[in-house]
Protein backbone atom coordinates (compact mmCIF):
# COMPACT_ATOMS: atom_id res chain seq x y z
CA MET A 1 -15.96 15.63 -34.63
CA VAL A 2 -13.32 14.00 -32.66
CA GLU A 3 -12.39 10.58 -33.76
CA PRO A 4 -12.59 8.28 -30.22
CA HIS A 5 -9.09 7.17 -30.78
CA ILE A 6 -8.01 10.55 -30.59
CA CYS A 7 -10.32 10.95 -27.00
CA ALA A 8 -8.41 8.16 -25.83
CA GLU A 9 -5.12 9.24 -26.16
CA GLN A 10 -5.85 12.72 -24.77
CA ALA A 11 -7.71 11.51 -21.90
CA HIS A 12 -7.08 13.37 -18.52
CA TRP A 13 -8.26 11.03 -15.63
CA HIS A 14 -8.98 12.30 -11.91
CA LEU A 15 -8.36 10.48 -8.49
CA ASN A 16 -10.30 10.90 -5.61
CA LEU A 17 -9.97 8.46 -2.31
CA GLN A 18 -12.61 8.61 0.10
CA HIS A 19 -13.62 6.72 2.99
CA PHE A 20 -16.63 4.23 3.93
CA GLY A 21 -18.71 5.05 7.34
CA ASP A 22 -16.74 3.17 10.19
CA THR A 23 -15.11 0.89 8.05
CA ASN A 24 -11.45 0.48 7.07
CA ILE A 25 -12.79 0.22 3.39
CA LYS A 26 -11.56 2.96 1.22
CA TYR A 27 -12.85 3.90 -2.26
CA LEU A 28 -11.01 5.31 -5.10
CA GLU A 29 -13.24 6.92 -7.29
CA VAL A 30 -11.62 7.72 -10.91
CA THR A 31 -13.42 10.39 -13.68
CA GLY A 32 -11.97 11.29 -16.62
CA ALA A 33 -12.51 13.10 -20.00
CA CYS A 34 -10.90 14.44 -23.09
CA GLN A 35 -8.66 17.05 -22.84
CA ALA A 36 -9.10 17.98 -26.71
CA CYS A 37 -12.71 17.99 -27.01
CA GLY A 38 -13.74 17.77 -23.40
CA ARG A 39 -16.09 14.59 -24.10
CA LYS A 40 -16.54 12.87 -20.42
CA VAL A 41 -15.76 9.28 -20.39
CA PHE A 42 -18.61 7.12 -18.69
CA PHE A 43 -18.16 3.84 -17.00
CA ARG A 44 -20.10 0.81 -17.34
CA GLY A 45 -21.13 -1.64 -14.47
CA PRO A 46 -23.55 -2.08 -11.79
CA ALA A 47 -24.44 1.45 -10.49
CA GLY A 48 -24.41 1.92 -6.31
CA LEU A 49 -21.86 1.33 -3.88
CA ASN A 50 -20.14 -1.86 -2.15
CA PRO A 51 -17.53 -2.78 -0.24
CA GLY A 52 -17.26 -6.22 -2.10
CA GLY A 53 -16.12 -5.07 -5.42
CA PRO A 54 -16.29 -2.28 -7.99
CA THR A 55 -19.19 -0.11 -8.99
CA VAL A 56 -20.06 2.84 -10.91
CA ALA A 57 -21.97 6.29 -10.08
CA MET A 58 -25.69 6.07 -10.92
CA ASP A 59 -25.09 8.25 -14.20
CA GLY A 60 -21.74 6.13 -15.06
CA SER A 61 -19.48 9.07 -14.61
CA GLU A 62 -17.71 8.00 -12.28
CA ALA A 63 -15.90 4.59 -11.74
CA ILE A 64 -15.87 3.28 -7.67
CA PHE A 65 -12.87 1.07 -6.64
CA PRO A 66 -13.28 -0.39 -3.10
CA PHE A 67 -9.91 -1.39 -1.26
CA LEU A 68 -8.21 -2.58 1.52
CA PHE A 69 -3.89 -2.33 2.43
CA GLU A 70 -2.65 -5.99 2.57
CA ASP A 71 -2.49 -6.12 6.09
CA GLU A 72 -5.93 -4.96 6.68
CA THR A 73 -8.94 -6.68 6.89
CA TYR A 74 -12.68 -5.85 6.28
CA ASP A 75 -14.02 -4.44 10.26
CA GLY A 76 -17.64 -3.51 9.59
CA LYS A 77 -20.65 -4.82 8.42
CA ALA A 78 -21.23 -5.18 4.44
CA VAL A 79 -23.14 -2.11 3.38
CA GLY A 80 -23.54 -0.88 0.18
CA TYR A 81 -25.93 -1.33 -2.72
CA ALA A 82 -26.20 -1.96 -6.45
CA VAL A 83 -28.85 -1.05 -9.03
CA SER A 84 -29.31 -3.29 -11.89
CA VAL A 85 -32.11 -2.00 -14.91
CA ARG A 86 -33.26 -4.48 -17.00
CA GLY A 87 -35.09 -4.40 -20.44
CA GLY A 88 -36.64 -0.82 -21.12
CA ASN A 89 -37.96 0.89 -24.01
């Protein structure tokens, strides 16, 4: 088994840019994996898609960061969703 600190040092990151609907909100999607052993990075946080703040994919495999450029303003409805899970077995 590869030690966790080695995976952190060997992480390879993939960035993807998306645009949300008819707004000027853009999303930076981040995924990652260890180049040495192949273990995937799993992000923590609320699952879903929200123009108001960062979220993660439903399975935690992707971090989603909404953004605007400094001279832009949000020009659409606050469309999005987040999922919160509490308790469980």
